């Protein structure tokens, strides 16, 4: 039996990204949320294995390529992760992780731009499909 096709371009992009997950090779995890028919928010990105080896960049390049292929806009807020207090499991903040400015520069190199909006004092970045 064939799986049902994704209802939106955003859902199809997220599913395509999940299918490209290679357990032995992927060193990062991402939380992606469909926010519209053609919009996906990157809620969290963190390294699970060795840090600072380019794994996040490789995962982000894969995500951006899929967003372009599916014509999906990406949004995110560039800030370091902190522990969640609501009982969900999130990684503790990596003391060697880049700060907000370095994160914003990282995402800008991938084509993200400030939207003009903010979330809890941090800028919201967007990347339209290309």
C-alpha atoms as a PDB file:
ATOM      1  CA  UNK A   1       0.000   0.000   0.000  1.00  0.00           C
ATOM      2  CA  UNK A   2       1.366   3.415  -0.964  1.00  0.00           C
ATOM      3  CA  UNK A   3       1.591   6.184   1.643  1.00  0.00           C
ATOM      4  CA  UNK A   4      -0.774   9.118   1.205  1.00  0.00           C
ATOM      5  CA  UNK A   5       0.819  12.060  -0.634  1.00  0.00           C
ATOM      6  CA  UNK A   6       1.610  15.076   1.515  1.00  0.00           C
ATOM      7  CA  UNK A   7      -1.242  17.571   1.654  1.00  0.00           C
ATOM      8  CA  UNK A   8       0.966  20.647   1.236  1.00  0.00           C
ATOM      9  CA  UNK A   9       4.314  21.568  -0.283  1.00  0.00           C
ATOM     10  CA  UNK A  10       5.591  22.265   3.244  1.00  0.00           C
ATOM     11  CA  UNK A  11       4.596  18.787   4.461  1.00  0.00           C
ATOM     12  CA  UNK A  12       6.184  17.205   1.364  1.00  0.00           C
ATOM     13  CA  UNK A  13       9.419  19.108   2.010  1.00  0.00           C
ATOM     14  CA  UNK A  14       9.539  18.019   5.668  1.00  0.00           C
ATOM     15  CA  UNK A  15       8.892  14.400   4.680  1.00  0.00           C
ATOM     16  CA  UNK A  16      11.612  14.565   2.007  1.00  0.00           C
ATOM     17  CA  UNK A  17      14.031  15.957   4.594  1.00  0.00           C
ATOM     18  CA  UNK A  18      13.203  13.149   7.032  1.00  0.00           C
ATOM     19  CA  UNK A  19      13.723  10.518   4.304  1.00  0.00           C
ATOM     20  CA  UNK A  20      17.256  11.837   3.737  1.00  0.00           C
ATOM     21  CA  UNK A  21      18.191  11.250   7.413  1.00  0.00           C
ATOM     22  CA  UNK A  22      21.143   8.848   7.509  1.00  0.00           C
ATOM     23  CA  UNK A  23      21.404   7.496  11.042  1.00  0.00           C
ATOM     24  CA  UNK A  24      25.134   6.731  10.935  1.00  0.00           C
ATOM     25  CA  UNK A  25      26.079   9.999   9.246  1.00  0.00           C
ATOM     26  CA  UNK A  26      23.693  12.650  10.529  1.00  0.00           C
ATOM     27  CA  UNK A  27      25.130  14.394  13.550  1.00  0.00           C
ATOM     28  CA  UNK A  28      22.375  16.969  14.034  1.00  0.00           C
ATOM     29  CA  UNK A  29      18.706  16.997  14.844  1.00  0.00           C
ATOM     30  CA  UNK A  30      16.165  19.525  13.625  1.00  0.00           C
ATOM     31  CA  UNK A  31      12.665  20.356  14.746  1.00  0.00           C
ATOM     32  CA  UNK A  32      10.661  21.521  11.741  1.00  0.00           C
ATOM     33  CA  UNK A  33       7.098  22.829  11.879  1.00  0.00           C
ATOM     34  CA  UNK A  34       4.740  23.391   8.973  1.00  0.00           C
ATOM     35  CA  UNK A  35       3.433  26.950   9.348  1.00  0.00           C
ATOM     36  CA  UNK A  36       1.540  27.242   6.051  1.00  0.00           C
ATOM     37  CA  UNK A  37       1.039  25.496   2.715  1.00  0.00           C
ATOM     38  CA  UNK A  38       4.460  26.722   1.580  1.00  0.00           C
ATOM     39  CA  UNK A  39       6.113  27.729   4.847  1.00  0.00           C
ATOM     40  CA  UNK A  40       8.226  25.836   7.384  1.00  0.00           C
ATOM     41  CA  UNK A  41       9.743  27.090  10.635  1.00  0.00           C
ATOM     42  CA  UNK A  42      13.028  25.697  11.875  1.00  0.00           C
ATOM     43  CA  UNK A  43      12.205  25.513  15.583  1.00  0.00           C
ATOM     44  CA  UNK A  44      15.505  24.010  16.747  1.00  0.00           C
ATOM     45  CA  UNK A  45      18.795  22.699  15.410  1.00  0.00           C
ATOM     46  CA  UNK A  46      21.405  21.030  17.578  1.00  0.00           C
ATOM     47  CA  UNK A  47      24.406  18.797  17.238  1.00  0.00           C
ATOM     48  CA  UNK A  48      24.110  15.290  18.637  1.00  0.00           C
ATOM     49  CA  UNK A  49      27.625  14.073  18.001  1.00  0.00           C
ATOM     50  CA  UNK A  50      30.901  15.844  17.498  1.00  0.00           C
ATOM     51  CA  UNK A  51      30.501  19.597  17.535  1.00  0.00           C
ATOM     52  CA  UNK A  52      31.936  22.160  15.125  1.00  0.00           C
ATOM     53  CA  UNK A  53      32.629  19.710  12.284  1.00  0.00           C
ATOM     54  CA  UNK A  54      30.289  21.167   9.640  1.00  0.00           C
ATOM     55  CA  UNK A  55      27.387  18.810  10.350  1.00  0.00           C
ATOM     56  CA  UNK A  56      24.901  21.656  10.962  1.00  0.00           C
ATOM     57  CA  UNK A  57      25.985  23.375   7.746  1.00  0.00           C
ATOM     58  CA  UNK A  58      25.537  20.152   5.748  1.00  0.00           C
ATOM     59  CA  UNK A  59      22.075  19.571   7.235  1.00  0.00           C
ATOM     60  CA  UNK A  60      21.078  23.186   6.587  1.00  0.00           C
ATOM     61  CA  UNK A  61      22.316  23.026   2.987  1.00  0.00           C
ATOM     62  CA  UNK A  62      20.197  19.894   2.494  1.00  0.00           C
ATOM     63  CA  UNK A  63      17.178  21.639   4.055  1.00  0.00           C
ATOM     64  CA  UNK A  64      17.632  24.769   1.913  1.00  0.00           C
ATOM     65  CA  UNK A  65      17.950  22.689  -1.275  1.00  0.00           C
ATOM     66  CA  UNK A  66      14.730  20.836  -0.461  1.00  0.00           C
ATOM     67  CA  UNK A  67      12.948  24.088   0.387  1.00  0.00           C
ATOM     68  CA  UNK A  68      13.971  25.467  -3.009  1.00  0.00           C
ATOM     69  CA  UNK A  69      12.857  22.285  -4.794  1.00  0.00           C
ATOM     70  CA  UNK A  70       9.461  22.329  -3.054  1.00  0.00           C
ATOM     71  CA  UNK A  71       9.138  26.153  -3.290  1.00  0.00           C
ATOM     72  CA  UNK A  72       8.857  26.534   0.497  1.00  0.00           C
ATOM     73  CA  UNK A  73       9.779  29.585   2.585  1.00  0.00           C
ATOM     74  CA  UNK A  74      11.882  28.894   5.683  1.00  0.00           C
ATOM     75  CA  UNK A  75      11.770  30.950   8.884  1.00  0.00           C
ATOM     76  CA  UNK A  76      13.817  30.791  12.083  1.00  0.00           C
ATOM     77  CA  UNK A  77      14.988  32.751  15.092  1.00  0.00           C
ATOM     78  CA  UNK A  78      18.795  32.649  15.499  1.00  0.00           C
ATOM     79  CA  UNK A  79      19.404  32.069  19.186  1.00  0.00           C
ATOM     80  CA  UNK A  80      21.227  29.427  21.189  1.00  0.00           C
ATOM     81  CA  UNK A  81      19.090  26.650  22.601  1.00  0.00           C
ATOM     82  CA  UNK A  82      18.477  26.572  26.305  1.00  0.00           C
ATOM     83  CA  UNK A  83      16.951  23.834  28.420  1.00  0.00           C
ATOM     84  CA  UNK A  84      13.163  23.645  28.168  1.00  0.00           C
ATOM     85  CA  UNK A  85      11.233  24.145  31.370  1.00  0.00           C
ATOM     86  CA  UNK A  86       7.927  22.728  30.133  1.00  0.00           C
ATOM     87  CA  UNK A  87       8.963  19.079  30.414  1.00  0.00           C
ATOM     88  CA  UNK A  88       9.897  18.489  26.763  1.00  0.00           C
ATOM     89  CA  UNK A  89      13.312  17.044  26.125  1.00  0.00           C
ATOM     90  CA  UNK A  90      15.732  19.514  24.590  1.00  0.00           C
ATOM     91  CA  UNK A  91      19.493  19.485  24.690  1.00  0.00           C
ATOM     92  CA  UNK A  92      21.315  21.560  27.253  1.00  0.00           C
ATOM     93  CA  UNK A  93      23.034  24.627  25.820  1.00  0.00           C
ATOM     94  CA  UNK A  94      26.469  23.833  24.419  1.00  0.00           C
ATOM     95  CA  UNK A  95      28.940  26.152  26.135  1.00  0.00           C
ATOM     96  CA  UNK A  96      31.008  26.231  22.930  1.00  0.00           C
ATOM     97  CA  UNK A  97      28.013  26.966  20.704  1.00  0.00           C
ATOM     98  CA  UNK A  98      28.000  30.259  18.784  1.00  0.00           C
ATOM     99  CA  UNK A  99      26.120  33.211  20.236  1.00  0.00           C
ATOM    100  CA  UNK A 100      23.154  34.960  18.613  1.00  0.00           C
ATOM    101  CA  UNK A 101      25.292  37.180  16.342  1.00  0.00           C
ATOM    102  CA  UNK A 102      27.347  34.265  15.044  1.00  0.00           C
ATOM    103  CA  UNK A 103      24.183  32.234  14.476  1.00  0.00           C
ATOM    104  CA  UNK A 104      22.606  35.078  12.510  1.00  0.00           C
ATOM    105  CA  UNK A 105      25.752  35.356  10.354  1.00  0.00           C
ATOM    106  CA  UNK A 106      25.707  31.559   9.781  1.00  0.00           C
ATOM    107  CA  UNK A 107      22.109  31.675   8.555  1.00  0.00           C
ATOM    108  CA  UNK A 108      22.720  34.783   6.441  1.00  0.00           C
ATOM    109  CA  UNK A 109      25.446  32.878   4.569  1.00  0.00           C
ATOM    110  CA  UNK A 110      22.726  30.343   3.713  1.00  0.00           C
ATOM    111  CA  UNK A 111      20.485  33.056   2.240  1.00  0.00           C
ATOM    112  CA  UNK A 112      18.356  34.025   5.244  1.00  0.00           C
ATOM    113  CA  UNK A 113      17.451  37.693   5.765  1.00  0.00           C
ATOM    114  CA  UNK A 114      15.867  39.654   8.599  1.00  0.00           C
ATOM    115  CA  UNK A 115      12.109  39.806   8.162  1.00  0.00           C
ATOM    116  CA  UNK A 116      11.672  42.944  10.240  1.00  0.00           C
ATOM    117  CA  UNK A 117       9.886  40.959  12.946  1.00  0.00           C
ATOM    118  CA  UNK A 118      11.212  39.755  16.278  1.00  0.00           C
ATOM    119  CA  UNK A 119      10.505  36.968  18.737  1.00  0.00           C
ATOM    120  CA  UNK A 120      11.431  37.431  22.391  1.00  0.00           C
ATOM    121  CA  UNK A 121      13.954  40.099  21.439  1.00  0.00           C
ATOM    122  CA  UNK A 122      15.633  38.109  18.655  1.00  0.00           C
ATOM    123  CA  UNK A 123      15.204  38.852  14.941  1.00  0.00           C
ATOM    124  CA  UNK A 124      13.089  36.569  12.791  1.00  0.00           C
ATOM    125  CA  UNK A 125      14.965  35.419   9.686  1.00  0.00           C
ATOM    126  CA  UNK A 126      13.300  34.275   6.460  1.00  0.00           C
ATOM    127  CA  UNK A 127      14.545  32.572   3.333  1.00  0.00           C
ATOM    128  CA  UNK A 128      12.210  32.606   0.325  1.00  0.00           C
ATOM    129  CA  UNK A 129      12.689  29.736  -2.134  1.00  0.00           C
ATOM    130  CA  UNK A 130      15.043  30.350  -5.013  1.00  0.00           C
END
